[in-house]
Amino acid sequence: MLRAERGVSRRELADGVGVHYQTIGYLERGEFSPSLHLALSIAAFFDVPAEVIFSLEPFPRLGEQTG
């Protein structure tokens, strides 16, 4: 969500944090858990705390109602 809100492509984010662009897709679909280094690199790329992007609890999908 953050990547889309900021208008950043998967490739731009991947290049910014030093991974293959497909890795970003795997992360976004929940098919891959990032290393601590990668998680912190992504947070730094967006200049936000890591917990804004990553959580132990799954984030609701866009459009899902919570509560």
N, C-alpha and C. Protein backbone atom coordinates (compact mmCIF):
# COMPACT_ATOMS: atom_id res chain seq x y z
N MET A 1 0.81 -1.19 0.00
CA MET A 1 0.00 0.00 0.00
C MET A 1 0.87 1.26 0.00
N LEU A 2 1.88 1.27 0.85
CA LEU A 2 2.75 2.44 0.94
C LEU A 2 3.45 2.71 -0.38
N ARG A 3 3.91 1.65 -1.01
CA ARG A 3 4.60 1.81 -2.29
C ARG A 3 3.67 2.44 -3.32
N ALA A 4 2.44 1.95 -3.38
CA ALA A 4 1.47 2.50 -4.34
C ALA A 4 1.11 3.94 -4.00
N GLU A 5 0.91 4.23 -2.71
CA GLU A 5 0.58 5.60 -2.29
C GLU A 5 1.66 6.59 -2.69
N ARG A 6 2.90 6.14 -2.62
CA ARG A 6 4.02 7.04 -2.94
C ARG A 6 4.38 7.04 -4.42
N GLY A 7 3.69 6.24 -5.22
CA GLY A 7 3.95 6.21 -6.66
C GLY A 7 5.29 5.60 -7.01
N VAL A 8 5.71 4.61 -6.23
CA VAL A 8 7.00 3.96 -6.44
C VAL A 8 6.74 2.60 -7.09
N SER A 9 7.43 2.30 -8.18
CA SER A 9 7.26 1.00 -8.83
C SER A 9 8.02 -0.07 -8.05
N ARG A 10 7.66 -1.32 -8.31
CA ARG A 10 8.39 -2.42 -7.68
C ARG A 10 9.87 -2.35 -8.03
N ARG A 11 10.15 -2.05 -9.27
CA ARG A 11 11.55 -1.99 -9.71
C ARG A 11 12.30 -0.85 -9.01
N GLU A 12 11.66 0.30 -8.86
CA GLU A 12 12.32 1.43 -8.17
C GLU A 12 12.63 1.07 -6.72
N LEU A 13 11.67 0.44 -6.04
CA LEU A 13 11.91 0.04 -4.66
C LEU A 13 13.00 -1.02 -4.59
N ALA A 14 12.92 -2.01 -5.47
CA ALA A 14 13.93 -3.07 -5.49
C ALA A 14 15.33 -2.50 -5.72
N ASP A 15 15.45 -1.61 -6.68
CA ASP A 15 16.74 -0.98 -6.94
C ASP A 15 17.21 -0.17 -5.74
N GLY A 16 16.28 0.49 -5.06
CA GLY A 16 16.63 1.32 -3.91
C GLY A 16 17.12 0.53 -2.71
N VAL A 17 16.67 -0.73 -2.60
CA VAL A 17 17.08 -1.54 -1.44
C VAL A 17 17.99 -2.70 -1.83
N GLY A 18 18.30 -2.82 -3.12
CA GLY A 18 19.28 -3.81 -3.55
C GLY A 18 18.79 -5.24 -3.68
N VAL A 19 17.52 -5.41 -4.12
CA VAL A 19 16.99 -6.75 -4.35
C VAL A 19 16.39 -6.81 -5.75
N HIS A 20 16.03 -8.01 -6.18
CA HIS A 20 15.36 -8.20 -7.46
C HIS A 20 13.92 -7.72 -7.31
N TYR A 21 13.36 -7.15 -8.37
CA TYR A 21 12.01 -6.61 -8.28
C TYR A 21 10.98 -7.67 -7.94
N GLN A 22 11.23 -8.93 -8.31
CA GLN A 22 10.27 -9.99 -7.97
C GLN A 22 10.21 -10.22 -6.46
N THR A 23 11.30 -9.94 -5.76
CA THR A 23 11.31 -10.07 -4.30
C THR A 23 10.26 -9.15 -3.69
N ILE A 24 10.11 -7.96 -4.24
CA ILE A 24 9.12 -7.02 -3.73
C ILE A 24 7.72 -7.60 -3.92
N GLY A 25 7.46 -8.20 -5.06
CA GLY A 25 6.18 -8.84 -5.30
C GLY A 25 5.91 -9.96 -4.31
N TYR A 26 6.91 -10.79 -4.03
CA TYR A 26 6.77 -11.87 -3.05
C TYR A 26 6.44 -11.31 -1.67
N LEU A 27 7.12 -10.23 -1.30
CA LEU A 27 6.84 -9.59 -0.01
C LEU A 27 5.41 -9.08 0.05
N GLU A 28 4.98 -8.41 -0.99
CA GLU A 28 3.65 -7.81 -1.01
C GLU A 28 2.53 -8.86 -0.97
N ARG A 29 2.80 -10.01 -1.55
CA ARG A 29 1.79 -11.08 -1.54
C ARG A 29 1.90 -11.97 -0.30
N GLY A 30 2.85 -11.70 0.56
CA GLY A 30 3.03 -12.49 1.77
C GLY A 30 3.66 -13.85 1.52
N GLU A 31 4.33 -14.00 0.39
CA GLU A 31 4.96 -15.27 0.04
C GLU A 31 6.40 -15.35 0.52
N PHE A 32 6.90 -14.28 1.11
CA PHE A 32 8.30 -14.21 1.53
C PHE A 32 8.37 -13.28 2.72
N SER A 33 9.13 -13.68 3.73
CA SER A 33 9.36 -12.82 4.89
C SER A 33 10.75 -12.21 4.74
N PRO A 34 10.85 -10.90 4.90
CA PRO A 34 12.14 -10.24 4.69
C PRO A 34 13.10 -10.50 5.85
N SER A 35 14.38 -10.43 5.53
CA SER A 35 15.39 -10.42 6.59
C SER A 35 15.25 -9.10 7.35
N LEU A 36 15.83 -9.05 8.51
CA LEU A 36 15.81 -7.80 9.28
C LEU A 36 16.46 -6.68 8.47
N HIS A 37 17.56 -6.99 7.82
CA HIS A 37 18.27 -5.99 7.02
C HIS A 37 17.37 -5.45 5.91
N LEU A 38 16.68 -6.35 5.20
CA LEU A 38 15.80 -5.90 4.13
C LEU A 38 14.62 -5.10 4.67
N ALA A 39 14.03 -5.55 5.77
CA ALA A 39 12.91 -4.82 6.37
C ALA A 39 13.34 -3.40 6.76
N LEU A 40 14.49 -3.28 7.39
CA LEU A 40 14.97 -1.95 7.79
C LEU A 40 15.34 -1.10 6.57
N SER A 41 15.87 -1.74 5.53
CA SER A 41 16.20 -1.01 4.30
C SER A 41 14.95 -0.44 3.64
N ILE A 42 13.89 -1.24 3.60
CA ILE A 42 12.63 -0.76 3.01
C ILE A 42 12.06 0.38 3.84
N ALA A 43 12.08 0.24 5.15
CA ALA A 43 11.60 1.32 6.02
C ALA A 43 12.42 2.59 5.81
N ALA A 44 13.73 2.45 5.71
CA ALA A 44 14.58 3.62 5.48
C ALA A 44 14.29 4.25 4.11
N PHE A 45 14.05 3.42 3.11
CA PHE A 45 13.72 3.92 1.77
C PHE A 45 12.52 4.86 1.83
N PHE A 46 11.50 4.46 2.61
CA PHE A 46 10.28 5.26 2.72
C PHE A 46 10.34 6.26 3.87
N ASP A 47 11.42 6.24 4.64
CA ASP A 47 11.61 7.15 5.77
C ASP A 47 10.47 7.03 6.78
N VAL A 48 10.16 5.78 7.15
CA VAL A 48 9.15 5.49 8.16
C VAL A 48 9.69 4.41 9.09
N PRO A 49 9.14 4.29 10.31
CA PRO A 49 9.54 3.19 11.19
C PRO A 49 9.13 1.85 10.57
N ALA A 50 9.90 0.81 10.83
CA ALA A 50 9.64 -0.51 10.24
C ALA A 50 8.24 -1.02 10.57
N GLU A 51 7.74 -0.71 11.77
CA GLU A 51 6.42 -1.22 12.14
C GLU A 51 5.28 -0.57 11.35
N VAL A 52 5.55 0.50 10.63
CA VAL A 52 4.54 1.07 9.74
C VAL A 52 4.32 0.13 8.55
N ILE A 53 5.35 -0.61 8.18
CA ILE A 53 5.29 -1.48 7.01
C ILE A 53 5.11 -2.96 7.39
N PHE A 54 5.76 -3.37 8.48
CA PHE A 54 5.78 -4.78 8.85
C PHE A 54 5.16 -4.98 10.23
N SER A 55 4.45 -6.10 10.38
CA SER A 55 3.78 -6.40 11.63
C SER A 55 3.74 -7.91 11.83
N LEU A 56 3.65 -8.35 13.07
CA LEU A 56 3.47 -9.77 13.34
C LEU A 56 2.05 -10.21 12.99
N GLU A 57 1.11 -9.29 13.06
CA GLU A 57 -0.28 -9.56 12.69
C GLU A 57 -0.46 -9.20 11.22
N PRO A 58 -1.19 -10.04 10.48
CA PRO A 58 -1.41 -9.71 9.06
C PRO A 58 -2.22 -8.42 8.91
N PHE A 59 -1.86 -7.65 7.92
CA PHE A 59 -2.61 -6.45 7.60
C PHE A 59 -3.86 -6.86 6.83
N PRO A 60 -5.00 -6.18 7.05
CA PRO A 60 -6.18 -6.51 6.24
C PRO A 60 -5.93 -6.14 4.78
N ARG A 61 -6.53 -6.91 3.88
CA ARG A 61 -6.42 -6.57 2.47
C ARG A 61 -7.16 -5.28 2.20
N LEU A 62 -6.77 -4.59 1.17
CA LEU A 62 -7.45 -3.35 0.80
C LEU A 62 -8.93 -3.62 0.59
N GLY A 63 -9.77 -2.77 1.14
CA GLY A 63 -11.20 -2.89 0.97
C GLY A 63 -11.88 -3.78 2.00
N GLU A 64 -11.10 -4.51 2.81
CA GLU A 64 -11.70 -5.35 3.85
C GLU A 64 -12.14 -4.49 5.02
N GLN A 65 -13.25 -4.87 5.60
CA GLN A 65 -13.73 -4.19 6.81
C GLN A 65 -13.04 -4.80 8.01
N THR A 66 -12.67 -3.99 8.97
CA THR A 66 -12.09 -4.48 10.22
C THR A 66 -13.07 -4.24 11.36
N GLY A 67 -12.98 -5.10 12.38
CA GLY A 67 -13.80 -4.92 13.59
C GLY A 67 -15.17 -5.33 13.33
